[in-house]
């Protein structure tokens, strides 16, 4: 068995780019993919903080990648060595009740969100991808690797858990709390449904500027009374759809205060702490609150949108690194207030 280098979670607050054994196929549905481009997710920062206790010491992190298939087990039918593929953040067995409903995030046959969570992930030179037939997507040559890697998680997450769960409709007032990569992708994909206005809320002025460039009609710093701005813009009614794209209690509770009667709050953020649900205020307002893990059932659609030039993915990428600069990339991505980082991509040149 050979060796490669990978980003290994050691304990909360500590990761290391170190040598580990090469992955090997262990199931007839496995594929081994050489990682050509990879990125860091906000969820990885939650893991590093200790918010995801299922991730244990020694786990290779990462659940988003573009790469080249180098080996397939005997049961893989849709890809072969040499194929360039998108590695989805969600693995799908294809046989359980939820997979049959295209709810791959809830797979009960050994899939769901497992990469970089319960099995070794993509922040490495090579990755073993379980259930390869449903968990990788062949890529056309027209799509750049660095752009395509944004389809592994952030675009389907924003679209499915934010826009679709929030049921954005034409002329809606939509508020997105958190203008990081997921929030920005939510702004872009909400545009598919022609909302009347989109308002972005964040603490970082660099992210609010990015939100404006990607289609937000108004932005407000989270420390400057965003609830009042939403009230002013809606004649005191509140927003039709509010999306939480941060993952902290204060942001969720703010969302519930900004939604109109009969409106919808779509929680996208990964939460490591409890949030208070003020039912004493909400019970009478007929508010719908949704949660969710991405299914990636929309990935083929989003791939077609990207191939058609309808997803401005490159504008989300602010920093590029070589694969071996993983620790430096984590540092930059973790200090957004100082670095202005949105999405960092390693490799893909």
C-alpha atoms as a PDB file:
ATOM      1  CA  UNK A   1       0.000   0.000   0.000  1.00  0.00           C
ATOM      2  CA  UNK A   2       1.289   3.444  -0.936  1.00  0.00           C
ATOM      3  CA  UNK A   3       0.984   6.722   0.909  1.00  0.00           C
ATOM      4  CA  UNK A   4      -0.526  10.111   0.162  1.00  0.00           C
ATOM      5  CA  UNK A   5      -1.039  13.368   1.992  1.00  0.00           C
ATOM      6  CA  UNK A   6      -4.343  14.464   3.488  1.00  0.00           C
ATOM      7  CA  UNK A   7      -5.899  16.949   5.916  1.00  0.00           C
ATOM      8  CA  UNK A   8      -6.527  15.015   9.137  1.00  0.00           C
ATOM      9  CA  UNK A   9      -8.741  16.105  12.025  1.00  0.00           C
ATOM     10  CA  UNK A  10      -6.855  15.471  15.273  1.00  0.00           C
ATOM     11  CA  UNK A  11      -9.114  17.114  17.855  1.00  0.00           C
ATOM     12  CA  UNK A  12     -11.215  20.283  18.105  1.00  0.00           C
ATOM     13  CA  UNK A  13      -8.971  23.156  17.136  1.00  0.00           C
ATOM     14  CA  UNK A  14      -6.259  20.988  15.574  1.00  0.00           C
ATOM     15  CA  UNK A  15      -5.827  19.653  12.034  1.00  0.00           C
ATOM     16  CA  UNK A  16      -2.722  18.577  10.122  1.00  0.00           C
ATOM     17  CA  UNK A  17      -1.704  18.005   6.490  1.00  0.00           C
ATOM     18  CA  UNK A  18       0.105  14.699   6.883  1.00  0.00           C
ATOM     19  CA  UNK A  19       0.995  11.398   5.276  1.00  0.00           C
ATOM     20  CA  UNK A  20      -1.659   8.660   5.417  1.00  0.00           C
ATOM     21  CA  UNK A  21      -2.203   5.363   3.560  1.00  0.00           C
ATOM     22  CA  UNK A  22      -3.695   5.505   0.074  1.00  0.00           C
ATOM     23  CA  UNK A  23      -7.412   4.649  -0.072  1.00  0.00           C
ATOM     24  CA  UNK A  24      -8.378   1.257  -1.485  1.00  0.00           C
ATOM     25  CA  UNK A  25     -11.643  -0.086  -2.844  1.00  0.00           C
ATOM     26  CA  UNK A  26     -13.514  -2.062  -0.226  1.00  0.00           C
ATOM     27  CA  UNK A  27     -16.946  -2.522  -1.771  1.00  0.00           C
ATOM     28  CA  UNK A  28     -18.099  -3.379  -5.317  1.00  0.00           C
ATOM     29  CA  UNK A  29     -19.679   0.097  -5.607  1.00  0.00           C
ATOM     30  CA  UNK A  30     -16.464   2.026  -4.756  1.00  0.00           C
ATOM     31  CA  UNK A  31     -14.359   4.257  -6.963  1.00  0.00           C
ATOM     32  CA  UNK A  32     -10.979   5.822  -6.222  1.00  0.00           C
ATOM     33  CA  UNK A  33     -10.693   9.410  -7.440  1.00  0.00           C
ATOM     34  CA  UNK A  34      -7.529  11.494  -7.749  1.00  0.00           C
ATOM     35  CA  UNK A  35      -8.436  14.905  -6.350  1.00  0.00           C
ATOM     36  CA  UNK A  36      -7.768  17.710  -8.830  1.00  0.00           C
ATOM     37  CA  UNK A  37      -9.698  20.511  -7.083  1.00  0.00           C
ATOM     38  CA  UNK A  38     -11.130  20.691  -3.584  1.00  0.00           C
ATOM     39  CA  UNK A  39     -12.570  23.327  -1.308  1.00  0.00           C
ATOM     40  CA  UNK A  40     -13.296  24.009   2.364  1.00  0.00           C
ATOM     41  CA  UNK A  41     -16.877  24.256   3.613  1.00  0.00           C
ATOM     42  CA  UNK A  42     -18.277  26.218   6.515  1.00  0.00           C
ATOM     43  CA  UNK A  43     -19.274  22.830   7.911  1.00  0.00           C
ATOM     44  CA  UNK A  44     -15.567  21.938   8.080  1.00  0.00           C
ATOM     45  CA  UNK A  45     -15.083  24.964  10.336  1.00  0.00           C
ATOM     46  CA  UNK A  46     -17.951  23.716  12.515  1.00  0.00           C
ATOM     47  CA  UNK A  47     -16.150  20.344  12.734  1.00  0.00           C
ATOM     48  CA  UNK A  48     -12.913  22.084  13.684  1.00  0.00           C
ATOM     49  CA  UNK A  49     -14.757  23.947  16.459  1.00  0.00           C
ATOM     50  CA  UNK A  50     -16.102  20.654  17.819  1.00  0.00           C
ATOM     51  CA  UNK A  51     -19.717  21.237  16.745  1.00  0.00           C
ATOM     52  CA  UNK A  52     -19.976  17.874  14.922  1.00  0.00           C
ATOM     53  CA  UNK A  53     -19.051  15.211  17.503  1.00  0.00           C
ATOM     54  CA  UNK A  54     -19.558  12.323  15.044  1.00  0.00           C
ATOM     55  CA  UNK A  55     -16.245  13.343  13.449  1.00  0.00           C
ATOM     56  CA  UNK A  56     -13.556  11.501  15.374  1.00  0.00           C
ATOM     57  CA  UNK A  57      -9.789  11.884  15.628  1.00  0.00           C
ATOM     58  CA  UNK A  58      -7.952  10.633  12.552  1.00  0.00           C
ATOM     59  CA  UNK A  59     -10.709  11.446  10.076  1.00  0.00           C
ATOM     60  CA  UNK A  60      -9.715  12.956   6.730  1.00  0.00           C
ATOM     61  CA  UNK A  61     -11.969  15.981   6.269  1.00  0.00           C
ATOM     62  CA  UNK A  62     -13.718  17.337   3.185  1.00  0.00           C
ATOM     63  CA  UNK A  63     -16.818  16.475   1.194  1.00  0.00           C
ATOM     64  CA  UNK A  64     -16.455  18.488  -2.038  1.00  0.00           C
ATOM     65  CA  UNK A  65     -14.101  17.725  -4.929  1.00  0.00           C
ATOM     66  CA  UNK A  66     -13.514  17.451  -8.638  1.00  0.00           C
ATOM     67  CA  UNK A  67     -11.138  14.745  -9.772  1.00  0.00           C
ATOM     68  CA  UNK A  68     -10.234  11.946 -12.121  1.00  0.00           C
ATOM     69  CA  UNK A  69     -11.327   8.360 -11.618  1.00  0.00           C
ATOM     70  CA  UNK A  70      -8.261   6.125 -11.270  1.00  0.00           C
ATOM     71  CA  UNK A  71      -9.880   2.858 -10.200  1.00  0.00           C
ATOM     72  CA  UNK A  72     -13.356   1.360 -10.014  1.00  0.00           C
ATOM     73  CA  UNK A  73     -14.600  -1.762  -8.277  1.00  0.00           C
ATOM     74  CA  UNK A  74     -16.484  -4.434 -10.196  1.00  0.00           C
ATOM     75  CA  UNK A  75     -19.960  -3.107  -9.465  1.00  0.00           C
ATOM     76  CA  UNK A  76     -19.450   0.405 -10.856  1.00  0.00           C
ATOM     77  CA  UNK A  77     -21.162   0.922 -14.204  1.00  0.00           C
ATOM     78  CA  UNK A  78     -21.464   4.647 -14.972  1.00  0.00           C
ATOM     79  CA  UNK A  79     -17.833   5.809 -14.772  1.00  0.00           C
ATOM     80  CA  UNK A  80     -14.458   4.301 -15.566  1.00  0.00           C
ATOM     81  CA  UNK A  81     -10.780   5.195 -15.031  1.00  0.00           C
ATOM     82  CA  UNK A  82      -9.847   8.406 -16.799  1.00  0.00           C
ATOM     83  CA  UNK A  83     -13.257  10.049 -16.400  1.00  0.00           C
ATOM     84  CA  UNK A  84     -13.316  13.557 -14.955  1.00  0.00           C
ATOM     85  CA  UNK A  85     -16.015  13.757 -12.290  1.00  0.00           C
ATOM     86  CA  UNK A  86     -17.678  15.902  -9.663  1.00  0.00           C
ATOM     87  CA  UNK A  87     -17.656  14.190  -6.254  1.00  0.00           C
ATOM     88  CA  UNK A  88     -20.949  14.969  -4.522  1.00  0.00           C
ATOM     89  CA  UNK A  89     -21.037  15.837  -0.830  1.00  0.00           C
ATOM     90  CA  UNK A  90     -23.818  13.235  -0.465  1.00  0.00           C
ATOM     91  CA  UNK A  91     -23.438   9.506  -1.105  1.00  0.00           C
ATOM     92  CA  UNK A  92     -26.498   7.505  -2.123  1.00  0.00           C
ATOM     93  CA  UNK A  93     -27.022   3.754  -1.918  1.00  0.00           C
ATOM     94  CA  UNK A  94     -29.863   4.011  -4.438  1.00  0.00           C
ATOM     95  CA  UNK A  95     -31.925   1.244  -2.823  1.00  0.00           C
ATOM     96  CA  UNK A  96     -33.358   2.469   0.490  1.00  0.00           C
ATOM     97  CA  UNK A  97     -36.707   4.198   0.912  1.00  0.00           C
ATOM     98  CA  UNK A  98     -35.232   7.688   0.920  1.00  0.00           C
ATOM     99  CA  UNK A  99     -32.992   7.147  -2.106  1.00  0.00           C
ATOM    100  CA  UNK A 100     -36.008   5.877  -4.031  1.00  0.00           C
ATOM    101  CA  UNK A 101     -37.637   9.234  -3.236  1.00  0.00           C
ATOM    102  CA  UNK A 102     -34.461  11.098  -4.354  1.00  0.00           C
ATOM    103  CA  UNK A 103     -33.911  12.184  -0.736  1.00  0.00           C
ATOM    104  CA  UNK A 104     -30.304  11.057  -0.817  1.00  0.00           C
ATOM    105  CA  UNK A 105     -29.281  13.126   2.199  1.00  0.00           C
ATOM    106  CA  UNK A 106     -31.397  10.816   4.366  1.00  0.00           C
ATOM    107  CA  UNK A 107     -30.005   7.573   2.851  1.00  0.00           C
ATOM    108  CA  UNK A 108     -30.365   4.639   5.241  1.00  0.00           C
ATOM    109  CA  UNK A 109     -28.288   2.209   3.195  1.00  0.00           C
ATOM    110  CA  UNK A 110     -24.886   3.484   4.270  1.00  0.00           C
ATOM    111  CA  UNK A 111     -24.896   6.821   2.456  1.00  0.00           C
ATOM    112  CA  UNK A 112     -26.006  10.364   3.228  1.00  0.00           C
ATOM    113  CA  UNK A 113     -23.377  12.849   4.357  1.00  0.00           C
ATOM    114  CA  UNK A 114     -20.545  10.436   5.101  1.00  0.00           C
ATOM    115  CA  UNK A 115     -17.494  11.884   3.286  1.00  0.00           C
ATOM    116  CA  UNK A 116     -15.357  13.786   5.780  1.00  0.00           C
ATOM    117  CA  UNK A 117     -17.896  12.887   8.457  1.00  0.00           C
ATOM    118  CA  UNK A 118     -18.064   9.151   9.141  1.00  0.00           C
ATOM    119  CA  UNK A 119     -15.649   8.028   6.391  1.00  0.00           C
ATOM    120  CA  UNK A 120     -12.498   9.657   5.044  1.00  0.00           C
ATOM    121  CA  UNK A 121     -13.143  12.655   2.831  1.00  0.00           C
ATOM    122  CA  UNK A 122     -11.878  14.653  -0.108  1.00  0.00           C
ATOM    123  CA  UNK A 123      -9.227  16.990   1.357  1.00  0.00           C
ATOM    124  CA  UNK A 124      -6.541  14.603   0.207  1.00  0.00           C
ATOM    125  CA  UNK A 125      -4.636  13.578  -2.873  1.00  0.00           C
ATOM    126  CA  UNK A 126      -6.996  10.614  -3.404  1.00  0.00           C
ATOM    127  CA  UNK A 127     -10.425   9.690  -2.053  1.00  0.00           C
ATOM    128  CA  UNK A 128     -12.499   6.526  -1.963  1.00  0.00           C
ATOM    129  CA  UNK A 129     -16.034   7.381  -3.081  1.00  0.00           C
ATOM    130  CA  UNK A 130     -18.715   4.901  -1.947  1.00  0.00           C
ATOM    131  CA  UNK A 131     -21.747   4.229  -4.175  1.00  0.00           C
ATOM    132  CA  UNK A 132     -19.926   5.801  -7.091  1.00  0.00           C
ATOM    133  CA  UNK A 133     -22.686   5.317  -9.666  1.00  0.00           C
ATOM    134  CA  UNK A 134     -24.962   7.770  -7.847  1.00  0.00           C
ATOM    135  CA  UNK A 135     -22.350   9.803  -5.978  1.00  0.00           C
ATOM    136  CA  UNK A 136     -20.169  11.164  -8.778  1.00  0.00           C
ATOM    137  CA  UNK A 137     -21.225  13.118 -11.865  1.00  0.00           C
ATOM    138  CA  UNK A 138     -19.250  13.073 -15.151  1.00  0.00           C
ATOM    139  CA  UNK A 139     -18.196  16.593 -16.092  1.00  0.00           C
ATOM    140  CA  UNK A 140     -18.184  18.153 -19.571  1.00  0.00           C
ATOM    141  CA  UNK A 141     -14.886  19.660 -20.684  1.00  0.00           C
ATOM    142  CA  UNK A 142     -16.544  23.084 -20.874  1.00  0.00           C
ATOM    143  CA  UNK A 143     -16.810  23.362 -17.071  1.00  0.00           C
ATOM    144  CA  UNK A 144     -13.664  24.440 -15.232  1.00  0.00           C
ATOM    145  CA  UNK A 145     -12.672  22.281 -12.254  1.00  0.00           C
ATOM    146  CA  UNK A 146     -12.559  25.189  -9.802  1.00  0.00           C
ATOM    147  CA  UNK A 147     -16.059  26.268 -10.846  1.00  0.00           C
ATOM    148  CA  UNK A 148     -17.435  22.741 -10.829  1.00  0.00           C
ATOM    149  CA  UNK A 149     -16.331  22.051  -7.250  1.00  0.00           C
ATOM    150  CA  UNK A 150     -18.897  24.619  -6.104  1.00  0.00           C
ATOM    151  CA  UNK A 151     -21.596  22.226  -7.354  1.00  0.00           C
ATOM    152  CA  UNK A 152     -20.538  19.529  -4.889  1.00  0.00           C
ATOM    153  CA  UNK A 153     -22.252  21.224  -1.962  1.00  0.00           C
ATOM    154  CA  UNK A 154     -22.865  24.962  -1.811  1.00  0.00           C
ATOM    155  CA  UNK A 155     -25.081  25.425  -4.864  1.00  0.00           C
ATOM    156  CA  UNK A 156     -27.313  22.376  -4.297  1.00  0.00           C
ATOM    157  CA  UNK A 157     -27.477  23.139  -0.555  1.00  0.00           C
ATOM    158  CA  UNK A 158     -28.488  26.756  -1.109  1.00  0.00           C
ATOM    159  CA  UNK A 159     -30.958  25.846  -3.834  1.00  0.00           C
ATOM    160  CA  UNK A 160     -32.611  22.848  -2.164  1.00  0.00           C
ATOM    161  CA  UNK A 161     -32.502  23.740   1.539  1.00  0.00           C
ATOM    162  CA  UNK A 162     -32.934  27.482   1.044  1.00  0.00           C
ATOM    163  CA  UNK A 163     -34.767  28.312  -2.171  1.00  0.00           C
ATOM    164  CA  UNK A 164     -36.891  25.186  -2.652  1.00  0.00           C
ATOM    165  CA  UNK A 165     -37.665  24.635   1.046  1.00  0.00           C
ATOM    166  CA  UNK A 166     -38.409  28.338   1.351  1.00  0.00           C
ATOM    167  CA  UNK A 167     -40.715  28.091  -1.679  1.00  0.00           C
ATOM    168  CA  UNK A 168     -39.481  31.351  -3.222  1.00  0.00           C
ATOM    169  CA  UNK A 169     -42.066  32.753  -5.630  1.00  0.00           C
ATOM    170  CA  UNK A 170     -42.187  35.655  -8.081  1.00  0.00           C
ATOM    171  CA  UNK A 171     -42.386  39.062  -6.376  1.00  0.00           C
ATOM    172  CA  UNK A 172     -41.438  37.662  -2.938  1.00  0.00           C
ATOM    173  CA  UNK A 173     -39.325  39.668  -0.538  1.00  0.00           C
ATOM    174  CA  UNK A 174     -36.467  37.329   0.357  1.00  0.00           C
ATOM    175  CA  UNK A 175     -34.008  37.910   3.202  1.00  0.00           C
ATOM    176  CA  UNK A 176     -30.776  35.914   3.375  1.00  0.00           C
ATOM    177  CA  UNK A 177     -29.079  36.089   6.780  1.00  0.00           C
ATOM    178  CA  UNK A 178     -25.421  35.220   6.247  1.00  0.00           C
ATOM    179  CA  UNK A 179     -23.670  36.225   3.016  1.00  0.00           C
ATOM    180  CA  UNK A 180     -21.013  33.538   3.065  1.00  0.00           C
ATOM    181  CA  UNK A 181     -20.743  31.064   0.169  1.00  0.00           C
ATOM    182  CA  UNK A 182     -24.063  29.350   0.984  1.00  0.00           C
ATOM    183  CA  UNK A 183     -25.911  32.629   1.429  1.00  0.00           C
ATOM    184  CA  UNK A 184     -24.463  34.020  -1.794  1.00  0.00           C
ATOM    185  CA  UNK A 185     -25.435  30.854  -3.664  1.00  0.00           C
ATOM    186  CA  UNK A 186     -28.934  31.249  -2.217  1.00  0.00           C
ATOM    187  CA  UNK A 187     -29.103  34.781  -3.596  1.00  0.00           C
ATOM    188  CA  UNK A 188     -28.065  33.536  -7.046  1.00  0.00           C
ATOM    189  CA  UNK A 189     -30.466  30.584  -7.145  1.00  0.00           C
ATOM    190  CA  UNK A 190     -33.379  32.546  -5.663  1.00  0.00           C
ATOM    191  CA  UNK A 191     -33.056  34.565  -8.847  1.00  0.00           C
ATOM    192  CA  UNK A 192     -34.403  31.566 -10.782  1.00  0.00           C
ATOM    193  CA  UNK A 193     -37.850  32.503  -9.397  1.00  0.00           C
ATOM    194  CA  UNK A 194     -37.839  36.292  -9.937  1.00  0.00           C
ATOM    195  CA  UNK A 195     -38.278  37.523  -6.358  1.00  0.00           C
ATOM    196  CA  UNK A 196     -39.376  41.118  -5.966  1.00  0.00           C
ATOM    197  CA  UNK A 197     -36.378  41.990  -3.816  1.00  0.00           C
ATOM    198  CA  UNK A 198     -33.532  40.187  -2.079  1.00  0.00           C
ATOM    199  CA  UNK A 199     -32.005  41.580   1.118  1.00  0.00           C
ATOM    200  CA  UNK A 200     -28.676  40.261   2.441  1.00  0.00           C
ATOM    201  CA  UNK A 201     -27.593  40.491   6.091  1.00  0.00           C
ATOM    202  CA  UNK A 202     -24.034  39.923   7.320  1.00  0.00           C
ATOM    203  CA  UNK A 203     -21.421  41.366   9.665  1.00  0.00           C
ATOM    204  CA  UNK A 204     -18.619  41.508   7.045  1.00  0.00           C
ATOM    205  CA  UNK A 205     -18.765  44.419   4.608  1.00  0.00           C
ATOM    206  CA  UNK A 206     -16.776  42.412   2.032  1.00  0.00           C
ATOM    207  CA  UNK A 207     -19.518  39.779   1.966  1.00  0.00           C
ATOM    208  CA  UNK A 208     -22.255  42.381   1.689  1.00  0.00           C
ATOM    209  CA  UNK A 209     -20.420  43.833  -1.315  1.00  0.00           C
ATOM    210  CA  UNK A 210     -20.296  40.346  -2.850  1.00  0.00           C
ATOM    211  CA  UNK A 211     -24.024  39.970  -2.196  1.00  0.00           C
ATOM    212  CA  UNK A 212     -24.746  43.181  -4.095  1.00  0.00           C
ATOM    213  CA  UNK A 213     -22.602  42.049  -7.017  1.00  0.00           C
ATOM    214  CA  UNK A 214     -24.512  38.758  -7.190  1.00  0.00           C
ATOM    215  CA  UNK A 215     -27.991  40.237  -7.220  1.00  0.00           C
ATOM    216  CA  UNK A 216     -28.984  41.431  -3.747  1.00  0.00           C
ATOM    217  CA  UNK A 217     -31.145  44.535  -4.040  1.00  0.00           C
ATOM    218  CA  UNK A 218     -30.347  45.752  -0.504  1.00  0.00           C
ATOM    219  CA  UNK A 219     -27.775  44.857   2.141  1.00  0.00           C
ATOM    220  CA  UNK A 220     -27.534  45.630   5.821  1.00  0.00           C
ATOM    221  CA  UNK A 221     -24.916  44.967   8.460  1.00  0.00           C
ATOM    222  CA  UNK A 222     -26.200  42.544  11.094  1.00  0.00           C
ATOM    223  CA  UNK A 223     -25.231  45.033  13.795  1.00  0.00           C
ATOM    224  CA  UNK A 224     -27.293  47.879  12.308  1.00  0.00           C
ATOM    225  CA  UNK A 225     -30.936  46.908  12.911  1.00  0.00           C
ATOM    226  CA  UNK A 226     -31.660  44.661   9.904  1.00  0.00           C
ATOM    227  CA  UNK A 227     -35.113  43.924  11.318  1.00  0.00           C
ATOM    228  CA  UNK A 228     -36.017  47.583  11.035  1.00  0.00           C
ATOM    229  CA  UNK A 229     -34.824  47.737   7.419  1.00  0.00           C
ATOM    230  CA  UNK A 230     -36.940  44.717   6.512  1.00  0.00           C
ATOM    231  CA  UNK A 231     -39.947  46.275   8.248  1.00  0.00           C
ATOM    232  CA  UNK A 232     -39.397  49.574   6.416  1.00  0.00           C
ATOM    233  CA  UNK A 233     -39.128  47.870   3.013  1.00  0.00           C
ATOM    234  CA  UNK A 234     -42.251  45.775   3.552  1.00  0.00           C
ATOM    235  CA  UNK A 235     -44.547  48.384   5.131  1.00  0.00           C
ATOM    236  CA  UNK A 236     -44.147  46.616   8.446  1.00  0.00           C
ATOM    237  CA  UNK A 237     -45.342  43.269   7.126  1.00  0.00           C
ATOM    238  CA  UNK A 238     -42.074  41.298   7.125  1.00  0.00           C
ATOM    239  CA  UNK A 239     -40.377  39.149   4.505  1.00  0.00           C
ATOM    240  CA  UNK A 240     -42.101  36.365   2.591  1.00  0.00           C
ATOM    241  CA  UNK A 241     -39.038  34.101   2.867  1.00  0.00           C
ATOM    242  CA  UNK A 242     -36.122  34.341   5.303  1.00  0.00           C
ATOM    243  CA  UNK A 243     -33.135  32.021   5.000  1.00  0.00           C
ATOM    244  CA  UNK A 244     -30.711  31.329   7.848  1.00  0.00           C
ATOM    245  CA  UNK A 245     -27.259  30.677   6.370  1.00  0.00           C
ATOM    246  CA  UNK A 246     -25.023  31.133   9.434  1.00  0.00           C
ATOM    247  CA  UNK A 247     -25.721  28.407  11.980  1.00  0.00           C
ATOM    248  CA  UNK A 248     -25.833  30.421  15.210  1.00  0.00           C
ATOM    249  CA  UNK A 249     -28.835  30.861  17.545  1.00  0.00           C
ATOM    250  CA  UNK A 250     -28.909  34.647  17.213  1.00  0.00           C
ATOM    251  CA  UNK A 251     -29.193  34.448  13.421  1.00  0.00           C
ATOM    252  CA  UNK A 252     -32.035  31.908  13.553  1.00  0.00           C
ATOM    253  CA  UNK A 253     -33.953  33.925  16.110  1.00  0.00           C
ATOM    254  CA  UNK A 254     -33.480  37.054  13.991  1.00  0.00           C
ATOM    255  CA  UNK A 255     -34.973  35.197  11.028  1.00  0.00           C
ATOM    256  CA  UNK A 256     -38.119  34.333  12.959  1.00  0.00           C
ATOM    257  CA  UNK A 257     -38.578  37.991  13.869  1.00  0.00           C
ATOM    258  CA  UNK A 258     -38.253  39.187  10.254  1.00  0.00           C
ATOM    259  CA  UNK A 259     -40.745  36.808   8.618  1.00  0.00           C
ATOM    260  CA  UNK A 260     -44.286  37.955   7.816  1.00  0.00           C
ATOM    261  CA  UNK A 261     -47.442  36.176   8.981  1.00  0.00           C
ATOM    262  CA  UNK A 262     -47.858  33.156   6.721  1.00  0.00           C
ATOM    263  CA  UNK A 263     -44.231  33.395   5.650  1.00  0.00           C
ATOM    264  CA  UNK A 264     -41.449  30.824   5.560  1.00  0.00           C
ATOM    265  CA  UNK A 265     -38.152  30.496   7.431  1.00  0.00           C
ATOM    266  CA  UNK A 266     -35.705  28.120   5.738  1.00  0.00           C
ATOM    267  CA  UNK A 267     -32.860  27.131   8.041  1.00  0.00           C
ATOM    268  CA  UNK A 268     -29.752  26.165   6.048  1.00  0.00           C
ATOM    269  CA  UNK A 269     -27.022  26.738   8.643  1.00  0.00           C
ATOM    270  CA  UNK A 270     -25.333  23.967  10.604  1.00  0.00           C
ATOM    271  CA  UNK A 271     -26.051  24.579  14.293  1.00  0.00           C
ATOM    272  CA  UNK A 272     -23.806  23.482  17.122  1.00  0.00           C
ATOM    273  CA  UNK A 273     -25.916  25.013  19.903  1.00  0.00           C
ATOM    274  CA  UNK A 274     -29.646  25.172  20.718  1.00  0.00           C
ATOM    275  CA  UNK A 275     -31.710  28.071  19.462  1.00  0.00           C
ATOM    276  CA  UNK A 276     -34.770  29.356  21.274  1.00  0.00           C
ATOM    277  CA  UNK A 277     -38.012  28.912  19.357  1.00  0.00           C
ATOM    278  CA  UNK A 278     -40.312  31.702  20.489  1.00  0.00           C
ATOM    279  CA  UNK A 279     -43.602  29.922  20.009  1.00  0.00           C
ATOM    280  CA  UNK A 280     -45.264  32.453  22.287  1.00  0.00           C
ATOM    281  CA  UNK A 281     -44.861  34.893  19.371  1.00  0.00           C
ATOM    282  CA  UNK A 282     -44.951  32.525  16.419  1.00  0.00           C
ATOM    283  CA  UNK A 283     -47.907  30.281  17.185  1.00  0.00           C
ATOM    284  CA  UNK A 284     -50.416  32.809  15.918  1.00  0.00           C
ATOM    285  CA  UNK A 285     -48.459  33.887  12.811  1.00  0.00           C
ATOM    286  CA  UNK A 286     -48.933  30.768  10.656  1.00  0.00           C
ATOM    287  CA  UNK A 287     -45.180  30.633  10.014  1.00  0.00           C
ATOM    288  CA  UNK A 288     -43.555  27.620   8.333  1.00  0.00           C
ATOM    289  CA  UNK A 289     -40.039  26.705   9.510  1.00  0.00           C
ATOM    290  CA  UNK A 290     -38.046  24.173   7.510  1.00  0.00           C
ATOM    291  CA  UNK A 291     -34.756  22.451   8.167  1.00  0.00           C
ATOM    292  CA  UNK A 292     -32.808  20.100   5.982  1.00  0.00           C
ATOM    293  CA  UNK A 293     -29.678  18.419   4.791  1.00  0.00           C
ATOM    294  CA  UNK A 294     -28.983  18.726   1.076  1.00  0.00           C
ATOM    295  CA  UNK A 295     -30.020  15.750  -1.069  1.00  0.00           C
ATOM    296  CA  UNK A 296     -28.026  16.815  -4.181  1.00  0.00           C
ATOM    297  CA  UNK A 297     -30.955  15.654  -6.315  1.00  0.00           C
ATOM    298  CA  UNK A 298     -30.683  19.042  -8.062  1.00  0.00           C
ATOM    299  CA  UNK A 299     -27.023  18.587  -9.076  1.00  0.00           C
ATOM    300  CA  UNK A 300     -27.765  17.483 -12.678  1.00  0.00           C
ATOM    301  CA  UNK A 301     -29.980  20.553 -13.146  1.00  0.00           C
ATOM    302  CA  UNK A 302     -27.333  22.853 -11.694  1.00  0.00           C
ATOM    303  CA  UNK A 303     -24.663  21.260 -13.885  1.00  0.00           C
ATOM    304  CA  UNK A 304     -26.766  22.122 -16.921  1.00  0.00           C
ATOM    305  CA  UNK A 305     -27.224  25.664 -15.636  1.00  0.00           C
ATOM    306  CA  UNK A 306     -23.474  26.039 -15.170  1.00  0.00           C
ATOM    307  CA  UNK A 307     -22.736  24.635 -18.627  1.00  0.00           C
ATOM    308  CA  UNK A 308     -25.194  27.206 -20.012  1.00  0.00           C
ATOM    309  CA  UNK A 309     -23.393  30.037 -18.212  1.00  0.00           C
ATOM    310  CA  UNK A 310     -26.262  30.688 -15.779  1.00  0.00           C
ATOM    311  CA  UNK A 311     -24.332  30.267 -12.515  1.00  0.00           C
ATOM    312  CA  UNK A 312     -21.726  32.958 -11.724  1.00  0.00           C
ATOM    313  CA  UNK A 313     -19.536  30.568  -9.791  1.00  0.00           C
ATOM    314  CA  UNK A 314     -16.120  32.149 -10.399  1.00  0.00           C
ATOM    315  CA  UNK A 315     -17.166  35.309  -8.585  1.00  0.00           C
ATOM    316  CA  UNK A 316     -17.538  33.260  -5.386  1.00  0.00           C
ATOM    317  CA  UNK A 317     -13.885  32.159  -5.466  1.00  0.00           C
ATOM    318  CA  UNK A 318     -11.666  34.698  -3.738  1.00  0.00           C
ATOM    319  CA  UNK A 319      -8.559  32.624  -2.924  1.00  0.00           C
ATOM    320  CA  UNK A 320      -6.719  29.828  -4.735  1.00  0.00           C
ATOM    321  CA  UNK A 321      -4.066  27.540  -3.295  1.00  0.00           C
ATOM    322  CA  UNK A 322      -2.076  24.474  -4.221  1.00  0.00           C
ATOM    323  CA  UNK A 323      -3.358  21.257  -2.673  1.00  0.00           C
ATOM    324  CA  UNK A 324      -0.413  21.118  -0.276  1.00  0.00           C
ATOM    325  CA  UNK A 325      -1.341  24.537   1.175  1.00  0.00           C
ATOM    326  CA  UNK A 326      -4.353  23.100   2.995  1.00  0.00           C
ATOM    327  CA  UNK A 327      -3.450  24.422   6.457  1.00  0.00           C
ATOM    328  CA  UNK A 328      -2.860  27.912   5.072  1.00  0.00           C
ATOM    329  CA  UNK A 329      -6.203  27.747   3.236  1.00  0.00           C
ATOM    330  CA  UNK A 330      -8.016  26.815   6.461  1.00  0.00           C
ATOM    331  CA  UNK A 331      -6.394  29.765   8.213  1.00  0.00           C
ATOM    332  CA  UNK A 332      -7.489  32.198   5.488  1.00  0.00           C
ATOM    333  CA  UNK A 333     -11.023  30.769   5.308  1.00  0.00           C
ATOM    334  CA  UNK A 334     -11.376  30.852   9.080  1.00  0.00           C
ATOM    335  CA  UNK A 335     -10.484  34.568   9.351  1.00  0.00           C
ATOM    336  CA  UNK A 336     -13.051  36.020   6.971  1.00  0.00           C
ATOM    337  CA  UNK A 337     -13.245  39.368   8.771  1.00  0.00           C
ATOM    338  CA  UNK A 338      -9.550  39.963   8.027  1.00  0.00           C
ATOM    339  CA  UNK A 339      -9.121  38.111   4.720  1.00  0.00           C
ATOM    340  CA  UNK A 340     -12.451  38.729   2.986  1.00  0.00           C
ATOM    341  CA  UNK A 341     -12.504  35.072   1.965  1.00  0.00           C
ATOM    342  CA  UNK A 342     -15.637  33.713   0.329  1.00  0.00           C
ATOM    343  CA  UNK A 343     -14.759  30.376  -1.253  1.00  0.00           C
ATOM    344  CA  UNK A 344     -11.209  29.029  -1.290  1.00  0.00           C
ATOM    345  CA  UNK A 345     -10.250  26.444  -3.911  1.00  0.00           C
ATOM    346  CA  UNK A 346      -7.182  24.242  -3.803  1.00  0.00           C
ATOM    347  CA  UNK A 347      -5.848  22.858  -7.082  1.00  0.00           C
ATOM    348  CA  UNK A 348      -7.916  23.088 -10.218  1.00  0.00           C
ATOM    349  CA  UNK A 349      -5.357  25.080 -12.160  1.00  0.00           C
END
